[in-house]
N, C-alpha and C. Protein backbone atom coordinates (compact mmCIF):
# COMPACT_ATOMS: atom_id res chain seq x y z
N MET A 1 93.61 -51.34 -19.51
CA MET A 1 93.18 -50.00 -19.11
C MET A 1 92.85 -50.01 -17.62
N ASP A 2 93.33 -48.99 -16.92
CA ASP A 2 92.96 -48.90 -15.51
C ASP A 2 91.60 -48.21 -15.39
N THR A 3 91.06 -48.21 -14.19
CA THR A 3 89.70 -47.71 -13.95
C THR A 3 89.55 -46.25 -14.35
N TRP A 4 90.54 -45.42 -14.01
CA TRP A 4 90.45 -43.99 -14.32
C TRP A 4 90.44 -43.77 -15.83
N GLN A 5 91.25 -44.50 -16.57
CA GLN A 5 91.25 -44.37 -18.03
C GLN A 5 89.90 -44.78 -18.62
N ILE A 6 89.30 -45.81 -18.08
CA ILE A 6 87.99 -46.24 -18.56
C ILE A 6 86.95 -45.16 -18.29
N ILE A 7 86.98 -44.58 -17.09
CA ILE A 7 86.02 -43.51 -16.75
C ILE A 7 86.20 -42.32 -17.68
N LEU A 8 87.45 -41.89 -17.90
CA LEU A 8 87.69 -40.76 -18.80
C LEU A 8 87.28 -41.07 -20.24
N SER A 9 87.54 -42.30 -20.70
CA SER A 9 87.16 -42.65 -22.07
C SER A 9 85.64 -42.69 -22.21
N VAL A 10 84.94 -43.15 -21.19
CA VAL A 10 83.47 -43.15 -21.25
C VAL A 10 82.95 -41.72 -21.26
N MET A 11 83.54 -40.85 -20.43
CA MET A 11 83.12 -39.45 -20.42
C MET A 11 83.38 -38.79 -21.77
N ALA A 12 84.54 -39.05 -22.34
CA ALA A 12 84.86 -38.50 -23.66
C ALA A 12 83.91 -39.05 -24.72
N GLY A 13 83.62 -40.35 -24.64
CA GLY A 13 82.71 -40.97 -25.60
C GLY A 13 81.31 -40.40 -25.53
N VAL A 14 80.82 -40.16 -24.32
CA VAL A 14 79.48 -39.56 -24.16
C VAL A 14 79.49 -38.14 -24.71
N GLY A 15 80.54 -37.38 -24.44
CA GLY A 15 80.62 -36.01 -24.97
C GLY A 15 80.68 -35.98 -26.49
N LEU A 16 81.48 -36.87 -27.06
CA LEU A 16 81.57 -36.93 -28.53
C LEU A 16 80.26 -37.39 -29.14
N SER A 17 79.59 -38.30 -28.46
CA SER A 17 78.29 -38.77 -28.95
C SER A 17 77.25 -37.65 -28.90
N ALA A 18 77.28 -36.88 -27.82
CA ALA A 18 76.36 -35.74 -27.73
C ALA A 18 76.60 -34.78 -28.89
N ALA A 19 77.87 -34.59 -29.25
CA ALA A 19 78.19 -33.73 -30.40
C ALA A 19 77.61 -34.29 -31.69
N CYS A 20 77.49 -35.62 -31.79
CA CYS A 20 76.87 -36.24 -32.97
C CYS A 20 75.40 -35.86 -33.07
N GLY A 21 74.79 -35.49 -31.96
CA GLY A 21 73.40 -35.03 -31.99
C GLY A 21 73.26 -33.70 -32.69
N PHE A 22 74.34 -32.92 -32.69
CA PHE A 22 74.33 -31.64 -33.42
C PHE A 22 74.66 -31.85 -34.90
N ARG A 23 75.78 -32.49 -35.15
CA ARG A 23 76.23 -32.80 -36.51
C ARG A 23 76.86 -34.17 -36.49
N ILE A 24 76.58 -34.97 -37.49
CA ILE A 24 76.99 -36.36 -37.49
C ILE A 24 78.47 -36.55 -37.81
N PHE A 25 79.03 -35.78 -38.72
CA PHE A 25 80.39 -36.03 -39.17
C PHE A 25 81.46 -35.18 -38.50
N ILE A 26 81.08 -34.15 -37.76
CA ILE A 26 82.09 -33.32 -37.09
C ILE A 26 82.80 -34.09 -35.98
N PRO A 27 82.09 -34.81 -35.09
CA PRO A 27 82.82 -35.56 -34.05
C PRO A 27 83.80 -36.61 -34.59
N PRO A 28 83.42 -37.41 -35.61
CA PRO A 28 84.44 -38.33 -36.14
C PRO A 28 85.65 -37.60 -36.74
N LEU A 29 85.41 -36.42 -37.32
CA LEU A 29 86.52 -35.62 -37.84
C LEU A 29 87.43 -35.17 -36.69
N ILE A 30 86.84 -34.71 -35.61
CA ILE A 30 87.62 -34.29 -34.44
C ILE A 30 88.40 -35.48 -33.87
N ILE A 31 87.75 -36.65 -33.82
CA ILE A 31 88.45 -37.87 -33.34
C ILE A 31 89.62 -38.19 -34.25
N ALA A 32 89.42 -38.11 -35.55
CA ALA A 32 90.50 -38.41 -36.50
C ALA A 32 91.67 -37.46 -36.31
N ILE A 33 91.37 -36.18 -36.14
CA ILE A 33 92.43 -35.18 -35.93
C ILE A 33 93.15 -35.45 -34.61
N ALA A 34 92.37 -35.69 -33.55
CA ALA A 34 92.96 -35.93 -32.22
C ALA A 34 93.78 -37.22 -32.20
N ALA A 35 93.30 -38.26 -32.88
CA ALA A 35 94.04 -39.52 -32.93
C ALA A 35 95.34 -39.34 -33.71
N LYS A 36 95.27 -38.59 -34.80
CA LYS A 36 96.46 -38.33 -35.61
C LYS A 36 97.51 -37.57 -34.80
N ALA A 37 97.02 -36.65 -33.92
CA ALA A 37 97.93 -35.85 -33.09
C ALA A 37 98.36 -36.60 -31.83
N GLY A 38 97.79 -37.77 -31.59
CA GLY A 38 98.18 -38.56 -30.43
C GLY A 38 97.44 -38.22 -29.15
N HIS A 39 96.33 -37.48 -29.25
CA HIS A 39 95.56 -37.08 -28.07
C HIS A 39 94.46 -38.06 -27.71
N VAL A 40 94.12 -38.96 -28.62
CA VAL A 40 93.06 -39.94 -28.39
C VAL A 40 93.61 -41.32 -28.72
N ASN A 41 93.35 -42.26 -27.83
CA ASN A 41 93.70 -43.65 -28.09
C ASN A 41 92.46 -44.38 -28.58
N LEU A 42 92.53 -44.87 -29.79
CA LEU A 42 91.40 -45.58 -30.37
C LEU A 42 91.52 -47.07 -30.09
N GLY A 43 90.38 -47.73 -30.02
CA GLY A 43 90.40 -49.19 -29.93
C GLY A 43 91.02 -49.76 -31.18
N THR A 44 91.54 -50.97 -31.10
CA THR A 44 92.24 -51.56 -32.25
C THR A 44 91.36 -51.65 -33.48
N GLU A 45 90.06 -51.94 -33.29
CA GLU A 45 89.18 -52.05 -34.45
C GLU A 45 88.82 -50.69 -35.06
N PHE A 46 89.19 -49.61 -34.37
CA PHE A 46 88.92 -48.26 -34.89
C PHE A 46 90.20 -47.52 -35.26
N ALA A 47 91.33 -48.21 -35.33
CA ALA A 47 92.61 -47.58 -35.67
C ALA A 47 92.56 -46.92 -37.05
N TRP A 48 91.72 -47.42 -37.93
CA TRP A 48 91.59 -46.85 -39.28
C TRP A 48 91.15 -45.39 -39.24
N MET A 49 90.52 -44.96 -38.13
CA MET A 49 90.04 -43.58 -38.07
C MET A 49 91.18 -42.56 -38.02
N SER A 50 92.38 -43.00 -37.70
CA SER A 50 93.51 -42.07 -37.64
C SER A 50 94.29 -42.03 -38.96
N SER A 51 93.78 -42.71 -39.99
CA SER A 51 94.47 -42.71 -41.28
C SER A 51 94.20 -41.41 -42.04
N ASP A 52 95.08 -41.13 -43.00
CA ASP A 52 94.90 -39.94 -43.83
C ASP A 52 93.62 -40.01 -44.65
N VAL A 53 93.29 -41.20 -45.14
CA VAL A 53 92.07 -41.38 -45.94
C VAL A 53 90.83 -41.06 -45.09
N ALA A 54 90.81 -41.57 -43.86
CA ALA A 54 89.67 -41.29 -42.98
C ALA A 54 89.58 -39.81 -42.66
N LEU A 55 90.71 -39.18 -42.44
CA LEU A 55 90.73 -37.75 -42.13
C LEU A 55 90.14 -36.93 -43.28
N VAL A 56 90.54 -37.25 -44.49
CA VAL A 56 90.01 -36.55 -45.67
C VAL A 56 88.52 -36.86 -45.85
N ALA A 57 88.14 -38.11 -45.70
CA ALA A 57 86.73 -38.50 -45.88
C ALA A 57 85.84 -37.82 -44.84
N PHE A 58 86.25 -37.83 -43.58
CA PHE A 58 85.45 -37.17 -42.54
C PHE A 58 85.41 -35.66 -42.75
N GLY A 59 86.53 -35.09 -43.19
CA GLY A 59 86.56 -33.65 -43.46
C GLY A 59 85.60 -33.27 -44.58
N LEU A 60 85.62 -34.01 -45.66
CA LEU A 60 84.72 -33.76 -46.79
C LEU A 60 83.26 -33.96 -46.38
N ALA A 61 82.99 -35.04 -45.65
CA ALA A 61 81.63 -35.32 -45.20
C ALA A 61 81.12 -34.22 -44.27
N ALA A 62 81.99 -33.72 -43.38
CA ALA A 62 81.59 -32.66 -42.46
C ALA A 62 81.27 -31.36 -43.21
N VAL A 63 82.10 -31.02 -44.18
CA VAL A 63 81.86 -29.80 -44.97
C VAL A 63 80.55 -29.92 -45.75
N LEU A 64 80.31 -31.07 -46.37
CA LEU A 64 79.07 -31.26 -47.12
C LEU A 64 77.85 -31.24 -46.20
N GLU A 65 77.97 -31.86 -45.03
CA GLU A 65 76.85 -31.87 -44.09
C GLU A 65 76.52 -30.46 -43.59
N VAL A 66 77.55 -29.72 -43.20
CA VAL A 66 77.32 -28.36 -42.71
C VAL A 66 76.71 -27.51 -43.82
N GLY A 67 77.23 -27.61 -45.04
CA GLY A 67 76.69 -26.84 -46.16
C GLY A 67 75.26 -27.21 -46.50
N ALA A 68 74.93 -28.48 -46.39
CA ALA A 68 73.57 -28.95 -46.73
C ALA A 68 72.53 -28.35 -45.79
N TYR A 69 72.91 -28.09 -44.55
CA TYR A 69 71.95 -27.54 -43.60
C TYR A 69 71.62 -26.07 -43.89
N TYR A 70 72.31 -25.45 -44.82
CA TYR A 70 71.99 -24.07 -45.21
C TYR A 70 71.11 -24.00 -46.45
N ILE A 71 70.73 -25.14 -46.99
CA ILE A 71 69.80 -25.20 -48.12
C ILE A 71 68.45 -25.61 -47.53
N PRO A 72 67.45 -24.70 -47.54
CA PRO A 72 66.20 -24.94 -46.79
C PRO A 72 65.53 -26.29 -47.04
N TRP A 73 65.31 -26.67 -48.28
CA TRP A 73 64.60 -27.93 -48.52
C TRP A 73 65.45 -29.13 -48.11
N LEU A 74 66.77 -29.03 -48.30
CA LEU A 74 67.66 -30.10 -47.91
C LEU A 74 67.79 -30.17 -46.39
N ASP A 75 67.74 -29.02 -45.76
CA ASP A 75 67.76 -28.94 -44.31
C ASP A 75 66.61 -29.74 -43.70
N ASN A 76 65.41 -29.55 -44.23
CA ASN A 76 64.25 -30.28 -43.73
C ASN A 76 64.34 -31.78 -44.04
N ALA A 77 64.86 -32.11 -45.21
CA ALA A 77 65.01 -33.53 -45.57
C ALA A 77 66.02 -34.21 -44.65
N LEU A 78 67.12 -33.53 -44.36
CA LEU A 78 68.13 -34.10 -43.47
C LEU A 78 67.58 -34.29 -42.05
N ASP A 79 66.73 -33.38 -41.63
CA ASP A 79 66.16 -33.48 -40.29
C ASP A 79 65.30 -34.74 -40.13
N THR A 80 64.70 -35.20 -41.21
CA THR A 80 63.84 -36.38 -41.09
C THR A 80 64.65 -37.66 -40.86
N ILE A 81 65.88 -37.70 -41.35
CA ILE A 81 66.70 -38.90 -41.16
C ILE A 81 67.78 -38.73 -40.09
N ALA A 82 67.92 -37.52 -39.57
CA ALA A 82 69.03 -37.22 -38.66
C ALA A 82 68.97 -37.99 -37.35
N ALA A 83 67.79 -38.18 -36.79
CA ALA A 83 67.71 -38.82 -35.47
C ALA A 83 68.28 -40.24 -35.45
N PRO A 84 67.80 -41.14 -36.30
CA PRO A 84 68.37 -42.49 -36.24
C PRO A 84 69.85 -42.53 -36.65
N VAL A 85 70.23 -41.70 -37.60
CA VAL A 85 71.62 -41.68 -38.03
C VAL A 85 72.52 -41.13 -36.91
N ALA A 86 72.03 -40.12 -36.18
CA ALA A 86 72.79 -39.56 -35.06
C ALA A 86 73.00 -40.60 -33.97
N VAL A 87 71.99 -41.40 -33.70
CA VAL A 87 72.11 -42.45 -32.67
C VAL A 87 73.17 -43.48 -33.08
N VAL A 88 73.14 -43.88 -34.34
CA VAL A 88 74.15 -44.83 -34.83
C VAL A 88 75.54 -44.19 -34.78
N ALA A 89 75.65 -42.95 -35.24
CA ALA A 89 76.95 -42.26 -35.21
C ALA A 89 77.44 -42.08 -33.78
N GLY A 90 76.54 -41.75 -32.86
CA GLY A 90 76.92 -41.62 -31.46
C GLY A 90 77.41 -42.92 -30.87
N THR A 91 76.76 -44.01 -31.23
CA THR A 91 77.17 -45.33 -30.76
C THR A 91 78.57 -45.67 -31.28
N LEU A 92 78.79 -45.48 -32.56
CA LEU A 92 80.09 -45.80 -33.16
C LEU A 92 81.19 -44.87 -32.65
N THR A 93 80.86 -43.59 -32.52
CA THR A 93 81.85 -42.61 -32.05
C THR A 93 82.30 -42.93 -30.63
N SER A 94 81.35 -43.23 -29.77
CA SER A 94 81.74 -43.54 -28.39
C SER A 94 82.53 -44.85 -28.33
N ALA A 95 82.12 -45.84 -29.09
CA ALA A 95 82.85 -47.11 -29.09
C ALA A 95 84.30 -46.91 -29.56
N ALA A 96 84.50 -45.98 -30.47
CA ALA A 96 85.85 -45.73 -30.99
C ALA A 96 86.81 -45.26 -29.92
N VAL A 97 86.32 -44.45 -28.98
CA VAL A 97 87.22 -43.89 -27.97
C VAL A 97 87.23 -44.68 -26.66
N PHE A 98 86.40 -45.70 -26.55
CA PHE A 98 86.38 -46.49 -25.33
C PHE A 98 87.64 -47.36 -25.17
N GLY A 99 88.44 -47.42 -26.19
CA GLY A 99 89.69 -48.18 -26.09
C GLY A 99 89.47 -49.67 -26.17
N ASP A 100 90.47 -50.39 -25.72
CA ASP A 100 90.41 -51.85 -25.76
C ASP A 100 89.86 -52.38 -24.44
N MET A 101 88.56 -52.58 -24.42
CA MET A 101 87.90 -53.19 -23.26
C MET A 101 87.07 -54.34 -23.76
N SER A 102 86.45 -55.03 -22.88
CA SER A 102 85.61 -56.16 -23.25
C SER A 102 84.61 -55.73 -24.32
N PRO A 103 84.50 -56.45 -25.43
CA PRO A 103 83.56 -56.05 -26.48
C PRO A 103 82.12 -55.94 -25.98
N TRP A 104 81.72 -56.83 -25.11
CA TRP A 104 80.35 -56.76 -24.58
C TRP A 104 80.15 -55.46 -23.82
N LEU A 105 81.08 -55.10 -22.95
CA LEU A 105 80.99 -53.86 -22.18
C LEU A 105 81.07 -52.65 -23.10
N LYS A 106 82.00 -52.68 -24.05
CA LYS A 106 82.18 -51.55 -24.97
C LYS A 106 80.90 -51.26 -25.74
N TRP A 107 80.31 -52.27 -26.35
CA TRP A 107 79.14 -52.03 -27.20
C TRP A 107 77.88 -51.77 -26.40
N THR A 108 77.80 -52.32 -25.19
CA THR A 108 76.66 -52.01 -24.32
C THR A 108 76.72 -50.55 -23.89
N LEU A 109 77.89 -50.12 -23.43
CA LEU A 109 78.06 -48.71 -23.05
C LEU A 109 77.86 -47.79 -24.24
N ALA A 110 78.40 -48.17 -25.38
CA ALA A 110 78.29 -47.34 -26.58
C ALA A 110 76.83 -47.17 -27.00
N ALA A 111 76.07 -48.26 -26.97
CA ALA A 111 74.66 -48.18 -27.38
C ALA A 111 73.83 -47.37 -26.39
N ILE A 112 74.03 -47.62 -25.11
CA ILE A 112 73.21 -46.94 -24.10
C ILE A 112 73.66 -45.50 -23.90
N ALA A 113 74.94 -45.33 -23.55
CA ALA A 113 75.42 -43.98 -23.24
C ALA A 113 75.66 -43.15 -24.50
N GLY A 114 76.34 -43.74 -25.48
CA GLY A 114 76.64 -43.00 -26.71
C GLY A 114 75.43 -42.73 -27.56
N GLY A 115 74.70 -43.79 -27.87
CA GLY A 115 73.48 -43.62 -28.68
C GLY A 115 72.45 -42.77 -27.97
N GLY A 116 72.33 -42.96 -26.66
CA GLY A 116 71.39 -42.16 -25.87
C GLY A 116 71.74 -40.69 -25.85
N ALA A 117 73.03 -40.38 -25.69
CA ALA A 117 73.47 -38.98 -25.68
C ALA A 117 73.19 -38.31 -27.02
N ALA A 118 73.54 -38.99 -28.10
CA ALA A 118 73.30 -38.43 -29.43
C ALA A 118 71.80 -38.23 -29.67
N GLY A 119 71.01 -39.22 -29.27
CA GLY A 119 69.56 -39.13 -29.46
C GLY A 119 68.94 -38.00 -28.66
N ALA A 120 69.38 -37.81 -27.42
CA ALA A 120 68.84 -36.73 -26.58
C ALA A 120 69.13 -35.36 -27.18
N VAL A 121 70.36 -35.16 -27.64
CA VAL A 121 70.71 -33.87 -28.25
C VAL A 121 69.97 -33.70 -29.58
N GLN A 122 69.89 -34.76 -30.38
CA GLN A 122 69.21 -34.67 -31.67
C GLN A 122 67.73 -34.33 -31.51
N ILE A 123 67.07 -34.92 -30.54
CA ILE A 123 65.65 -34.61 -30.31
C ILE A 123 65.49 -33.14 -29.96
N THR A 124 66.39 -32.63 -29.13
CA THR A 124 66.33 -31.23 -28.74
C THR A 124 66.54 -30.31 -29.94
N THR A 125 67.49 -30.66 -30.82
CA THR A 125 67.72 -29.82 -31.99
C THR A 125 66.55 -29.90 -32.97
N THR A 126 65.92 -31.06 -33.06
CA THR A 126 64.75 -31.20 -33.93
C THR A 126 63.60 -30.33 -33.43
N VAL A 127 63.38 -30.32 -32.13
CA VAL A 127 62.32 -29.47 -31.55
C VAL A 127 62.66 -28.00 -31.76
N THR A 128 63.92 -27.65 -31.57
CA THR A 128 64.34 -26.26 -31.78
C THR A 128 64.16 -25.85 -33.22
N ARG A 129 64.53 -26.73 -34.15
CA ARG A 129 64.36 -26.41 -35.58
C ARG A 129 62.88 -26.30 -35.94
N GLY A 130 62.05 -27.17 -35.34
CA GLY A 130 60.60 -27.08 -35.58
C GLY A 130 60.03 -25.77 -35.09
N ALA A 131 60.48 -25.32 -33.92
CA ALA A 131 60.02 -24.02 -33.40
C ALA A 131 60.50 -22.89 -34.29
N SER A 132 61.74 -23.00 -34.77
CA SER A 132 62.28 -21.97 -35.67
C SER A 132 61.49 -21.92 -36.98
N THR A 133 61.16 -23.09 -37.52
CA THR A 133 60.38 -23.15 -38.75
C THR A 133 59.00 -22.56 -38.53
N ALA A 134 58.37 -22.88 -37.40
CA ALA A 134 57.03 -22.37 -37.11
C ALA A 134 57.05 -20.85 -36.91
N LEU A 135 58.07 -20.34 -36.26
CA LEU A 135 58.14 -18.90 -35.96
C LEU A 135 58.59 -18.06 -37.14
N THR A 136 59.50 -18.60 -37.95
CA THR A 136 60.08 -17.78 -39.02
C THR A 136 59.78 -18.30 -40.41
N GLY A 137 58.98 -19.36 -40.52
CA GLY A 137 58.70 -19.95 -41.83
C GLY A 137 59.94 -20.58 -42.44
N GLY A 138 60.89 -20.95 -41.61
CA GLY A 138 62.12 -21.57 -42.09
C GLY A 138 63.23 -20.59 -42.39
N MET A 139 62.92 -19.30 -42.38
CA MET A 139 63.93 -18.29 -42.71
C MET A 139 64.98 -18.14 -41.61
N GLY A 140 64.67 -18.55 -40.39
CA GLY A 140 65.62 -18.45 -39.29
C GLY A 140 66.39 -19.72 -39.03
N ASN A 141 66.13 -20.73 -39.85
CA ASN A 141 66.80 -22.02 -39.61
C ASN A 141 68.31 -21.95 -39.81
N TRP A 142 68.79 -20.98 -40.59
CA TRP A 142 70.23 -20.86 -40.78
C TRP A 142 70.92 -20.49 -39.46
N VAL A 143 70.20 -19.74 -38.61
CA VAL A 143 70.76 -19.40 -37.30
C VAL A 143 70.88 -20.67 -36.45
N VAL A 144 69.83 -21.49 -36.47
CA VAL A 144 69.85 -22.75 -35.73
C VAL A 144 70.97 -23.64 -36.26
N SER A 145 71.11 -23.71 -37.58
CA SER A 145 72.17 -24.52 -38.19
C SER A 145 73.56 -24.06 -37.77
N THR A 146 73.75 -22.75 -37.72
CA THR A 146 75.04 -22.20 -37.32
C THR A 146 75.34 -22.55 -35.86
N VAL A 147 74.35 -22.39 -35.00
CA VAL A 147 74.54 -22.71 -33.58
C VAL A 147 74.82 -24.21 -33.41
N GLU A 148 74.10 -25.05 -34.15
CA GLU A 148 74.34 -26.50 -34.08
C GLU A 148 75.76 -26.84 -34.53
N GLY A 149 76.22 -26.24 -35.61
CA GLY A 149 77.57 -26.50 -36.10
C GLY A 149 78.63 -26.09 -35.09
N ILE A 150 78.46 -24.91 -34.52
CA ILE A 150 79.39 -24.44 -33.49
C ILE A 150 79.31 -25.36 -32.28
N GLY A 151 78.10 -25.74 -31.90
CA GLY A 151 77.92 -26.65 -30.77
C GLY A 151 78.62 -27.98 -30.98
N ALA A 152 78.55 -28.50 -32.20
CA ALA A 152 79.21 -29.77 -32.51
C ALA A 152 80.72 -29.66 -32.37
N VAL A 153 81.30 -28.58 -32.91
CA VAL A 153 82.75 -28.40 -32.85
C VAL A 153 83.21 -28.20 -31.40
N VAL A 154 82.55 -27.29 -30.69
CA VAL A 154 82.96 -26.99 -29.32
C VAL A 154 82.79 -28.22 -28.42
N THR A 155 81.65 -28.89 -28.53
CA THR A 155 81.40 -30.07 -27.70
C THR A 155 82.41 -31.17 -27.99
N ALA A 156 82.69 -31.43 -29.26
CA ALA A 156 83.63 -32.50 -29.62
C ALA A 156 85.05 -32.17 -29.16
N VAL A 157 85.48 -30.94 -29.37
CA VAL A 157 86.84 -30.56 -28.95
C VAL A 157 86.97 -30.64 -27.43
N LEU A 158 85.99 -30.10 -26.72
CA LEU A 158 86.03 -30.15 -25.26
C LEU A 158 85.94 -31.58 -24.73
N ALA A 159 85.20 -32.44 -25.43
CA ALA A 159 85.10 -33.84 -25.01
C ALA A 159 86.46 -34.54 -25.09
N VAL A 160 87.28 -34.13 -26.03
CA VAL A 160 88.63 -34.70 -26.15
C VAL A 160 89.57 -34.06 -25.13
N VAL A 161 89.46 -32.75 -24.94
CA VAL A 161 90.39 -32.01 -24.09
C VAL A 161 90.00 -32.08 -22.61
N ILE A 162 88.73 -31.85 -22.31
CA ILE A 162 88.24 -31.82 -20.92
C ILE A 162 86.98 -32.68 -20.82
N PRO A 163 87.12 -34.00 -20.88
CA PRO A 163 85.94 -34.86 -20.90
C PRO A 163 85.07 -34.73 -19.65
N ILE A 164 85.67 -34.46 -18.49
CA ILE A 164 84.89 -34.34 -17.25
C ILE A 164 83.91 -33.17 -17.36
N LEU A 165 84.37 -32.05 -17.92
CA LEU A 165 83.51 -30.87 -18.08
C LEU A 165 82.33 -31.18 -18.99
N VAL A 166 82.60 -31.75 -20.14
CA VAL A 166 81.53 -32.04 -21.11
C VAL A 166 80.55 -33.05 -20.54
N PHE A 167 81.06 -34.08 -19.88
CA PHE A 167 80.18 -35.08 -19.29
C PHE A 167 79.29 -34.44 -18.22
N SER A 168 79.87 -33.60 -17.38
CA SER A 168 79.09 -32.91 -16.34
C SER A 168 78.02 -32.01 -16.95
N LEU A 169 78.38 -31.28 -17.99
CA LEU A 169 77.39 -30.42 -18.67
C LEU A 169 76.30 -31.25 -19.33
N PHE A 170 76.65 -32.41 -19.86
CA PHE A 170 75.64 -33.27 -20.48
C PHE A 170 74.67 -33.80 -19.43
N VAL A 171 75.19 -34.19 -18.27
CA VAL A 171 74.31 -34.66 -17.20
C VAL A 171 73.38 -33.53 -16.75
N LEU A 172 73.91 -32.31 -16.66
CA LEU A 172 73.07 -31.15 -16.33
C LEU A 172 72.00 -30.93 -17.41
N PHE A 173 72.41 -31.04 -18.67
CA PHE A 173 71.48 -30.92 -19.80
C PHE A 173 70.36 -31.95 -19.70
N LEU A 174 70.72 -33.19 -19.38
CA LEU A 174 69.71 -34.24 -19.23
C LEU A 174 68.75 -33.92 -18.09
N GLY A 175 69.28 -33.42 -17.00
CA GLY A 175 68.42 -33.04 -15.87
C GLY A 175 67.43 -31.96 -16.26
N ILE A 176 67.89 -30.97 -16.97
CA ILE A 176 67.00 -29.89 -17.43
C ILE A 176 66.00 -30.43 -18.44
N LEU A 177 66.46 -31.28 -19.33
CA LEU A 177 65.58 -31.88 -20.34
C LEU A 177 64.45 -32.67 -19.69
N ILE A 178 64.78 -33.44 -18.68
CA ILE A 178 63.76 -34.22 -17.99
C ILE A 178 62.84 -33.31 -17.18
N TRP A 179 63.42 -32.30 -16.55
CA TRP A 179 62.63 -31.41 -15.70
C TRP A 179 61.70 -30.51 -16.51
N LYS A 180 62.21 -29.94 -17.60
CA LYS A 180 61.42 -28.98 -18.40
C LYS A 180 60.61 -29.64 -19.50
N ASN A 181 61.01 -30.80 -19.98
CA ASN A 181 60.34 -31.52 -21.06
C ASN A 181 60.00 -30.58 -22.23
N PRO A 182 60.99 -30.24 -23.06
CA PRO A 182 60.78 -29.27 -24.15
C PRO A 182 59.70 -29.69 -25.16
N VAL A 183 59.50 -30.98 -25.37
CA VAL A 183 58.46 -31.41 -26.30
C VAL A 183 57.09 -30.98 -25.77
N LYS A 184 56.88 -31.17 -24.48
CA LYS A 184 55.62 -30.76 -23.87
C LYS A 184 55.48 -29.23 -23.92
N LEU A 185 56.56 -28.51 -23.66
CA LEU A 185 56.52 -27.05 -23.73
C LEU A 185 56.17 -26.59 -25.14
N TYR A 186 56.78 -27.23 -26.15
CA TYR A 186 56.51 -26.88 -27.54
C TYR A 186 55.05 -27.17 -27.90
N ARG A 187 54.53 -28.31 -27.49
CA ARG A 187 53.13 -28.63 -27.77
C ARG A 187 52.18 -27.64 -27.10
N ASN A 188 52.49 -27.27 -25.86
CA ASN A 188 51.67 -26.27 -25.16
C ASN A 188 51.72 -24.93 -25.87
N TRP A 189 52.91 -24.57 -26.36
CA TRP A 189 53.05 -23.31 -27.09
C TRP A 189 52.23 -23.35 -28.38
N ARG A 190 52.32 -24.47 -29.12
CA ARG A 190 51.56 -24.62 -30.38
C ARG A 190 50.05 -24.59 -30.11
N ALA A 191 49.61 -25.20 -29.02
CA ALA A 191 48.19 -25.23 -28.69
C ALA A 191 47.65 -23.84 -28.32
N SER A 192 48.53 -22.99 -27.80
CA SER A 192 48.09 -21.65 -27.41
C SER A 192 47.98 -20.71 -28.60
N LYS A 193 48.49 -21.08 -29.75
CA LYS A 193 48.45 -20.20 -30.95
C LYS A 193 47.14 -20.33 -31.68
């Protein structure tokens, strides 16, 4: 791989990992579709993701995950385990698209950039869902779920098609996240009630 291909694959991996922060199975589904269509080059150890079996499995898992977020009690249960699972999914998703590079470099980048991107987005969605639950008693969480699902699809597709755009938007998102600190804003809001 030349330097430009590595940079683009890292940008795509970070974008796909960020999408894992919204929904865990939508980005692998998008990768499977893109790999099947020849738009994504997977590393040799991730070639299985372009198989028909993987495509069906990721499709079924994505449909079940999206549907589960519309069941209030299941929505809250999934939120409790979503953060660590999103970080793992982000790490694996980014490693899948990094191509054939040094395993040490691939997994270090995947853990830091991929896992970090998924974790940052997941924390933000958890805070947003907590605010929605506090404001609407959970009745507005379906709106948050819908926006998260759309965000996962759009982010994952754009990460494959225009990785520079998604990477740039993610860096902007991180800057805003650090500058505004939504957890602190949420705590201040809760304290004022």
